[in-house]
């Protein structure tokens, strides 16, 4: 059966559409009351609200569909403000000629994705217009974030580094190849990010800014963040994570992955010292450090970290030399000699480490400038 104008007339056919498709998939304790508006439970915290519309063609694509996209896009907008998404609305513009089964699959996908994200769809609307089987979705979402949360585009700070949570351009490339009827292995990265954001924030990581990298790609996001914060953003092209498939398509069609959108990747701005030394963040997400704000603070960390590795390399080399001697003596059953060499090795490494430590403390204010970091790198 196909959608016709009678399905939007408000009569028996409209009731059948609502009951057989929308109520059947979206059922929950709030929506089931079928009131003119959803009455939400009392909430504590700072409410965060967003709205979005979705007009993607084709309606179904590898890795997702317009229904999954609608839920993920709204949930991710809330999550990127540090909010816990709770409730969504979903309004549909249906063109005549749309297959009933197509609409049912889209709504079922929305319900499944809402369950994945842990949100409820509590209100909605449907309109039918003359057309050729098209489908468009408008959503709104509300969530709560702690009053102390200050995540914002304007909260970028000089010295922050920028992390992205995966490869760029996957969704854009997938939609484009589907429209061009090209056979590829590409899949959209469409996914809800709210659980990932919650884990990062619960771990106590001081995130200054989060932004999902959607329409316009990383280049547009960086430009918007720079304008909002007044900071200069430096992106390092060689560090941008781009899959071979997206690189190949970009080369053929003359596209730039920097301007290609995603639907399941985000950019985070965190203090540079945290990005360099925190393993906690890397446990939660597959990240790539792609840029920083203000050259000097980030550069000084990179330079000092390099020199630390050099000094550590010397001590490791000496320790390895003693280890070889101990192994040889143990193999020759000369255990007394092995113990003697081991004591000498431990003493030597301790003394050498102490000397390196004292020298490092003494020269630390000057080391970044000596290594080319500039006069402002020493902090």
Protein backbone atom coordinates (compact mmCIF):
# COMPACT_ATOMS: atom_id res chain seq x y z
CA UNK A 1 0.00 0.00 0.00
CA UNK A 2 1.10 3.56 -0.72
CA UNK A 3 0.64 6.73 1.31
CA UNK A 4 -2.18 8.89 -0.05
CA UNK A 5 -3.62 12.28 0.88
CA UNK A 6 -6.35 10.57 2.91
CA UNK A 7 -3.71 9.39 5.37
CA UNK A 8 -3.20 13.01 6.43
CA UNK A 9 -6.87 14.02 6.59
CA UNK A 10 -7.28 13.37 10.31
CA UNK A 11 -9.91 10.66 9.87
CA UNK A 12 -9.95 6.89 10.07
CA UNK A 13 -6.99 6.46 7.69
CA UNK A 14 -4.87 8.80 9.78
CA UNK A 15 -5.75 6.89 12.93
CA UNK A 16 -4.79 3.64 11.24
CA UNK A 17 -1.45 5.12 10.15
CA UNK A 18 -0.68 6.31 13.68
CA UNK A 19 -1.70 3.08 15.37
CA UNK A 20 -0.20 0.61 12.90
CA UNK A 21 3.16 2.35 12.45
CA UNK A 22 4.03 5.13 14.88
CA UNK A 23 2.34 3.91 18.06
CA UNK A 24 3.35 0.33 17.31
CA UNK A 25 7.07 1.21 17.27
CA UNK A 26 7.37 4.28 19.50
CA UNK A 27 5.27 3.01 22.41
CA UNK A 28 6.32 4.18 25.90
CA UNK A 29 4.58 5.34 29.07
CA UNK A 30 4.46 8.99 27.94
CA UNK A 31 3.52 8.57 24.27
CA UNK A 32 0.94 5.88 24.98
CA UNK A 33 -1.34 8.47 26.60
CA UNK A 34 -1.82 10.09 23.17
CA UNK A 35 -2.36 13.57 24.61
CA UNK A 36 -2.03 16.81 22.62
CA UNK A 37 1.34 17.33 24.30
CA UNK A 38 3.77 15.18 26.27
CA UNK A 39 3.90 15.80 30.02
CA UNK A 40 7.47 15.12 31.13
CA UNK A 41 8.62 14.12 34.61
CA UNK A 42 10.22 16.76 36.80
CA UNK A 43 13.86 17.18 35.87
CA UNK A 44 16.82 18.49 37.86
CA UNK A 45 19.67 20.19 36.07
CA UNK A 46 20.16 22.60 33.20
CA UNK A 47 17.82 21.70 30.30
CA UNK A 48 19.41 21.56 26.86
CA UNK A 49 17.17 21.72 23.78
CA UNK A 50 17.83 21.22 20.08
CA UNK A 51 16.00 20.70 16.78
CA UNK A 52 17.01 19.26 13.41
CA UNK A 53 15.58 18.23 10.05
CA UNK A 54 16.57 15.38 7.74
CA UNK A 55 16.08 15.16 3.98
CA UNK A 56 18.71 12.60 2.95
CA UNK A 57 18.48 10.68 -0.32
CA UNK A 58 18.54 7.73 -0.64
CA UNK A 59 16.41 6.89 2.39
CA UNK A 60 18.43 3.72 3.04
CA UNK A 61 22.20 3.43 2.73
CA UNK A 62 24.97 1.14 4.00
CA UNK A 63 25.29 1.72 7.73
CA UNK A 64 21.96 3.44 8.28
CA UNK A 65 18.83 5.13 6.99
CA UNK A 66 16.99 8.42 7.42
CA UNK A 67 15.34 7.18 10.62
CA UNK A 68 18.56 6.20 12.33
CA UNK A 69 20.13 9.41 11.09
CA UNK A 70 17.34 11.52 12.62
CA UNK A 71 17.76 10.01 16.08
CA UNK A 72 21.58 10.06 16.02
CA UNK A 73 21.76 13.65 14.78
CA UNK A 74 19.54 14.98 17.55
CA UNK A 75 21.04 12.85 20.31
CA UNK A 76 24.56 13.85 19.29
CA UNK A 77 23.74 17.56 19.28
CA UNK A 78 22.63 17.25 22.91
CA UNK A 79 25.58 15.07 23.91
CA UNK A 80 28.06 17.54 22.42
CA UNK A 81 26.83 20.12 24.93
CA UNK A 82 27.56 17.72 27.79
CA UNK A 83 23.88 16.85 28.21
CA UNK A 84 22.29 13.48 28.84
CA UNK A 85 19.64 13.13 26.07
CA UNK A 86 16.25 12.07 27.44
CA UNK A 87 13.33 12.83 25.13
CA UNK A 88 12.77 13.36 21.41
CA UNK A 89 9.90 14.44 19.21
CA UNK A 90 9.54 13.22 15.64
CA UNK A 91 7.47 14.91 12.92
CA UNK A 92 7.09 13.43 9.45
CA UNK A 93 6.35 15.02 6.09
CA UNK A 94 5.18 12.21 3.81
CA UNK A 95 4.80 12.53 0.06
CA UNK A 96 2.03 10.66 -1.70
CA UNK A 97 3.27 7.48 -3.30
CA UNK A 98 5.53 6.56 -0.38
CA UNK A 99 5.37 2.82 0.23
CA UNK A 100 3.76 1.83 3.55
CA UNK A 101 6.50 -0.76 4.10
CA UNK A 102 9.21 1.87 3.55
CA UNK A 103 7.73 4.12 6.22
CA UNK A 104 7.37 1.18 8.59
CA UNK A 105 11.06 0.26 8.17
CA UNK A 106 12.16 3.85 8.80
CA UNK A 107 10.04 4.18 11.95
CA UNK A 108 11.23 0.79 13.22
CA UNK A 109 14.82 1.92 12.70
CA UNK A 110 14.15 5.12 14.65
CA UNK A 111 12.69 3.12 17.54
CA UNK A 112 15.65 0.75 17.56
CA UNK A 113 18.16 3.61 17.51
CA UNK A 114 16.29 5.46 20.26
CA UNK A 115 16.56 2.34 22.40
CA UNK A 116 20.29 2.14 21.61
CA UNK A 117 20.72 5.76 22.70
CA UNK A 118 18.50 5.37 25.77
CA UNK A 119 15.97 8.06 24.80
CA UNK A 120 12.18 8.09 24.44
CA UNK A 121 10.23 9.49 21.49
CA UNK A 122 7.34 11.16 23.34
CA UNK A 123 5.52 13.31 20.76
CA UNK A 124 5.20 13.79 17.03
CA UNK A 125 3.14 14.82 14.04
CA UNK A 126 2.45 13.66 10.50
CA UNK A 127 1.55 15.59 7.37
CA UNK A 128 0.94 14.27 3.86
CA UNK A 129 1.68 16.36 0.75
CA UNK A 130 1.53 15.74 -2.99
CA UNK A 131 4.74 14.25 -4.24
CA UNK A 132 6.67 11.26 -5.53
CA UNK A 133 7.17 9.05 -2.50
CA UNK A 134 9.54 11.27 -0.52
CA UNK A 135 9.98 11.29 3.24
CA UNK A 136 11.31 14.07 5.47
CA UNK A 137 11.75 14.08 9.25
CA UNK A 138 12.00 16.89 11.77
CA UNK A 139 13.11 16.11 15.30
CA UNK A 140 13.56 18.00 18.53
CA UNK A 141 15.32 16.79 21.64
CA UNK A 142 15.73 17.71 25.26
CA UNK A 143 18.39 16.62 27.72
CA UNK A 144 19.90 17.62 31.02
CA UNK A 145 23.42 18.54 31.93
CA UNK A 146 24.98 19.33 35.31
CA UNK A 147 24.91 23.01 36.16
CA UNK A 148 28.69 22.99 36.59
CA UNK A 149 29.25 21.76 33.02
CA UNK A 150 30.74 24.54 30.86
CA UNK A 151 31.26 22.73 27.55
CA UNK A 152 30.88 25.32 24.81
CA UNK A 153 32.38 26.45 21.52
CA UNK A 154 33.36 29.65 23.31
CA UNK A 155 35.23 27.68 25.98
CA UNK A 156 38.19 26.79 23.76
CA UNK A 157 41.43 27.86 25.40
CA UNK A 158 44.88 28.61 24.07
CA UNK A 159 47.01 25.49 24.33
CA UNK A 160 44.11 23.05 23.91
CA UNK A 161 44.62 20.19 21.50
CA UNK A 162 41.93 18.91 19.16
CA UNK A 163 41.06 15.22 19.00
CA UNK A 164 38.77 13.50 16.52
CA UNK A 165 37.19 10.15 17.33
CA UNK A 166 37.76 8.36 14.04
CA UNK A 167 38.14 8.62 10.29
CA UNK A 168 36.71 11.57 8.39
CA UNK A 169 34.23 11.70 5.51
CA UNK A 170 32.71 8.21 5.82
CA UNK A 171 29.04 9.26 5.78
CA UNK A 172 29.48 11.85 3.01
CA UNK A 173 31.34 9.36 0.83
CA UNK A 174 28.75 6.63 1.42
CA UNK A 175 25.80 8.83 0.44
CA UNK A 176 27.64 10.11 -2.62
CA UNK A 177 28.53 6.63 -3.90
CA UNK A 178 24.94 5.49 -3.39
CA UNK A 179 23.64 8.40 -5.45
CA UNK A 180 26.19 7.68 -8.18
CA UNK A 181 25.33 3.96 -8.02
CA UNK A 182 28.97 3.06 -7.38
CA UNK A 183 29.84 -0.32 -5.85
CA UNK A 184 32.08 0.24 -2.81
CA UNK A 185 32.69 -1.15 0.67
CA UNK A 186 31.99 2.25 2.26
CA UNK A 187 29.56 2.47 5.17
CA UNK A 188 28.11 5.43 7.01
CA UNK A 189 29.45 6.03 10.51
CA UNK A 190 25.95 7.00 11.71
CA UNK A 191 25.85 6.28 15.47
CA UNK A 192 24.69 7.83 18.76
CA UNK A 193 27.62 9.30 20.71
CA UNK A 194 25.94 10.10 24.02
CA UNK A 195 27.22 7.03 25.89
CA UNK A 196 30.77 7.75 24.75
CA UNK A 197 30.54 11.37 25.90
CA UNK A 198 29.11 10.28 29.25
CA UNK A 199 32.01 7.88 29.83
CA UNK A 200 34.56 10.57 29.04
CA UNK A 201 32.95 13.12 31.35
CA UNK A 202 32.38 10.55 34.12
CA UNK A 203 36.11 9.80 33.99
CA UNK A 204 36.74 13.40 35.05
CA UNK A 205 38.46 14.44 31.81
CA UNK A 206 38.28 18.26 31.58
CA UNK A 207 36.79 18.63 28.11
CA UNK A 208 36.40 22.26 27.04
CA UNK A 209 34.53 21.77 23.76
CA UNK A 210 32.77 18.96 21.89
CA UNK A 211 31.33 19.23 18.41
CA UNK A 212 29.98 16.51 16.14
CA UNK A 213 31.61 16.67 12.71
CA UNK A 214 28.55 16.72 10.44
CA UNK A 215 27.65 18.84 7.42
CA UNK A 216 30.65 20.79 6.13
CA UNK A 217 33.19 18.49 7.75
CA UNK A 218 36.09 19.24 10.06
CA UNK A 219 37.06 22.41 8.18
CA UNK A 220 33.66 24.00 8.79
CA UNK A 221 33.61 22.93 12.44
CA UNK A 222 37.09 24.35 13.02
CA UNK A 223 36.11 27.62 11.38
CA UNK A 224 32.98 27.92 13.53
CA UNK A 225 34.89 27.13 16.72
CA UNK A 226 37.58 29.64 15.88
CA UNK A 227 34.98 32.36 15.32
CA UNK A 228 33.13 31.51 18.55
CA UNK A 229 36.23 31.40 20.75
CA UNK A 230 38.50 33.98 19.13
CA UNK A 231 41.28 31.38 19.01
CA UNK A 232 43.49 30.48 16.10
CA UNK A 233 43.10 26.80 15.19
CA UNK A 234 45.97 24.93 13.58
CA UNK A 235 45.12 21.62 11.87
CA UNK A 236 47.92 19.21 10.99
CA UNK A 237 47.01 17.69 7.65
CA UNK A 238 49.34 14.71 7.91
CA UNK A 239 47.58 13.59 11.10
CA UNK A 240 44.03 13.68 9.75
CA UNK A 241 42.53 10.16 9.94
CA UNK A 242 41.05 9.27 6.56
CA UNK A 243 40.33 5.74 5.36
CA UNK A 244 41.88 4.45 2.13
CA UNK A 245 38.42 4.15 0.58
CA UNK A 246 37.58 7.80 1.27
CA UNK A 247 41.03 8.89 0.06
CA UNK A 248 40.53 6.99 -3.18
CA UNK A 249 37.06 8.43 -3.79
CA UNK A 250 38.28 11.93 -2.96
CA UNK A 251 41.11 11.60 -5.43
CA UNK A 252 38.80 10.43 -8.21
CA UNK A 253 36.11 13.06 -7.66
CA UNK A 254 38.32 15.94 -6.53
CA UNK A 255 36.85 16.08 -3.01
CA UNK A 256 38.52 17.23 0.20
CA UNK A 257 37.97 14.99 3.28
CA UNK A 258 38.25 18.12 5.41
CA UNK A 259 34.89 19.30 4.07
CA UNK A 260 33.14 15.91 4.02
CA UNK A 261 30.57 15.24 6.71
CA UNK A 262 30.24 12.46 9.27
CA UNK A 263 27.35 11.30 11.45
CA UNK A 264 29.19 9.40 14.17
CA UNK A 265 32.42 11.28 14.81
CA UNK A 266 33.15 14.21 17.09
CA UNK A 267 35.89 16.70 17.84
CA UNK A 268 37.01 17.28 21.41
CA UNK A 269 39.18 20.09 22.78
CA UNK A 270 41.15 19.13 25.87
CA UNK A 271 44.17 20.63 27.67
CA UNK A 272 47.38 19.77 25.86
CA UNK A 273 49.05 18.20 28.88
CA UNK A 274 46.15 15.78 29.24
CA UNK A 275 46.23 14.71 25.59
CA UNK A 276 49.95 14.00 25.80
CA UNK A 277 50.01 11.96 28.99
CA UNK A 278 46.52 10.64 29.74
CA UNK A 279 45.91 7.01 28.80
CA UNK A 280 42.38 7.22 30.19
CA UNK A 281 41.05 9.13 27.19
CA UNK A 282 42.55 6.64 24.77
CA UNK A 283 40.86 3.76 26.58
CA UNK A 284 37.46 5.24 25.76
CA UNK A 285 37.88 6.30 22.16
CA UNK A 286 40.00 5.71 19.08
CA UNK A 287 41.30 9.24 18.77
CA UNK A 288 43.67 11.13 16.53
CA UNK A 289 45.27 14.41 17.58
CA UNK A 290 44.76 16.65 14.57
CA UNK A 291 45.47 20.15 15.79
CA UNK A 292 45.91 22.64 18.56
CA UNK A 293 45.01 26.18 19.55
CA UNK A 294 47.97 28.53 19.76
CA UNK A 295 51.31 27.18 18.60
CA UNK A 296 53.54 27.77 21.63
CA UNK A 297 51.96 25.80 24.50
CA UNK A 298 51.34 22.70 22.41
CA UNK A 299 54.76 22.96 20.72
CA UNK A 300 56.60 23.16 24.04
CA UNK A 301 55.02 19.93 25.23
CA UNK A 302 55.96 18.16 22.01
CA UNK A 303 59.59 19.34 22.26
CA UNK A 304 60.04 18.49 25.94
CA UNK A 305 58.41 15.11 25.44
CA UNK A 306 60.90 14.35 22.65
CA UNK A 307 63.89 15.25 24.82
CA UNK A 308 62.52 13.11 27.65
CA UNK A 309 62.38 10.12 25.33
CA UNK A 310 66.01 10.74 24.31
CA UNK A 311 67.22 10.74 27.92
CA UNK A 312 65.12 7.70 28.67
CA UNK A 313 66.68 5.96 25.70
CA UNK A 314 70.18 6.40 27.15
CA UNK A 315 69.23 4.84 30.48
CA UNK A 316 67.43 1.97 28.77
CA UNK A 317 70.46 1.26 26.59
CA UNK A 318 72.75 1.11 29.62
CA UNK A 319 70.30 -1.10 31.50
CA UNK A 320 70.15 -3.45 28.50
CA UNK A 321 73.94 -3.72 28.48
CA UNK A 322 74.05 -4.81 32.11
CA UNK A 323 71.15 -7.22 31.49
CA UNK A 324 73.14 -8.97 28.74
CA UNK A 325 76.11 -9.47 31.09
CA UNK A 326 73.88 -10.85 33.81
CA UNK A 327 72.29 -13.28 31.34
CA UNK A 328 75.69 -14.52 30.15
CA UNK A 329 76.90 -15.14 33.69
CA UNK A 330 73.72 -16.95 34.64
CA UNK A 331 74.13 -19.13 31.55
CA UNK A 332 77.68 -19.94 32.67
CA UNK A 333 76.41 -20.83 36.19
CA UNK A 334 78.41 -17.90 37.61
CA UNK A 335 75.66 -16.68 39.90
CA UNK A 336 77.98 -14.75 42.21
CA UNK A 337 79.30 -12.77 39.24
CA UNK A 338 75.75 -12.19 38.02
CA UNK A 339 74.77 -10.75 41.41
CA UNK A 340 77.82 -8.49 41.37
CA UNK A 341 77.04 -7.15 37.88
CA UNK A 342 73.38 -6.69 38.86
CA UNK A 343 74.37 -4.58 41.87
CA UNK A 344 76.70 -2.52 39.70
CA UNK A 345 73.99 -2.03 37.11
CA UNK A 346 71.38 -0.90 39.62
CA UNK A 347 73.84 1.52 41.21
CA UNK A 348 74.90 2.93 37.87
CA UNK A 349 71.34 3.42 36.61
CA UNK A 350 70.31 5.07 39.88
CA UNK A 351 73.23 7.51 39.80
CA UNK A 352 72.75 8.27 36.10
CA UNK A 353 69.01 8.83 36.55
CA UNK A 354 69.67 11.13 39.48
CA UNK A 355 72.13 13.17 37.41
CA UNK A 356 69.71 13.38 34.46
CA UNK A 357 66.91 14.43 36.81
CA UNK A 358 68.91 17.22 38.41
CA UNK A 359 70.18 18.49 35.07
CA UNK A 360 66.64 18.33 33.66
CA UNK A 361 65.23 20.41 36.50
CA UNK A 362 68.01 22.96 36.08
CA UNK A 363 67.56 23.46 32.34
CA UNK A 364 63.78 22.95 32.07
CA UNK A 365 62.98 26.71 31.86
CA UNK A 366 65.31 27.07 28.87
CA UNK A 367 64.97 23.73 27.05
CA UNK A 368 61.94 24.53 24.83
CA UNK A 369 63.59 27.69 23.49
CA UNK A 370 66.89 25.82 22.91
CA UNK A 371 64.96 23.25 20.88
CA UNK A 372 63.33 25.88 18.70
CA UNK A 373 60.05 26.35 20.54
CA UNK A 374 60.33 30.11 20.68
CA UNK A 375 60.45 32.45 23.65
CA UNK A 376 56.83 31.74 24.66
CA UNK A 377 57.16 27.97 24.73
CA UNK A 378 58.55 27.71 28.20
CA UNK A 379 55.18 28.61 29.76
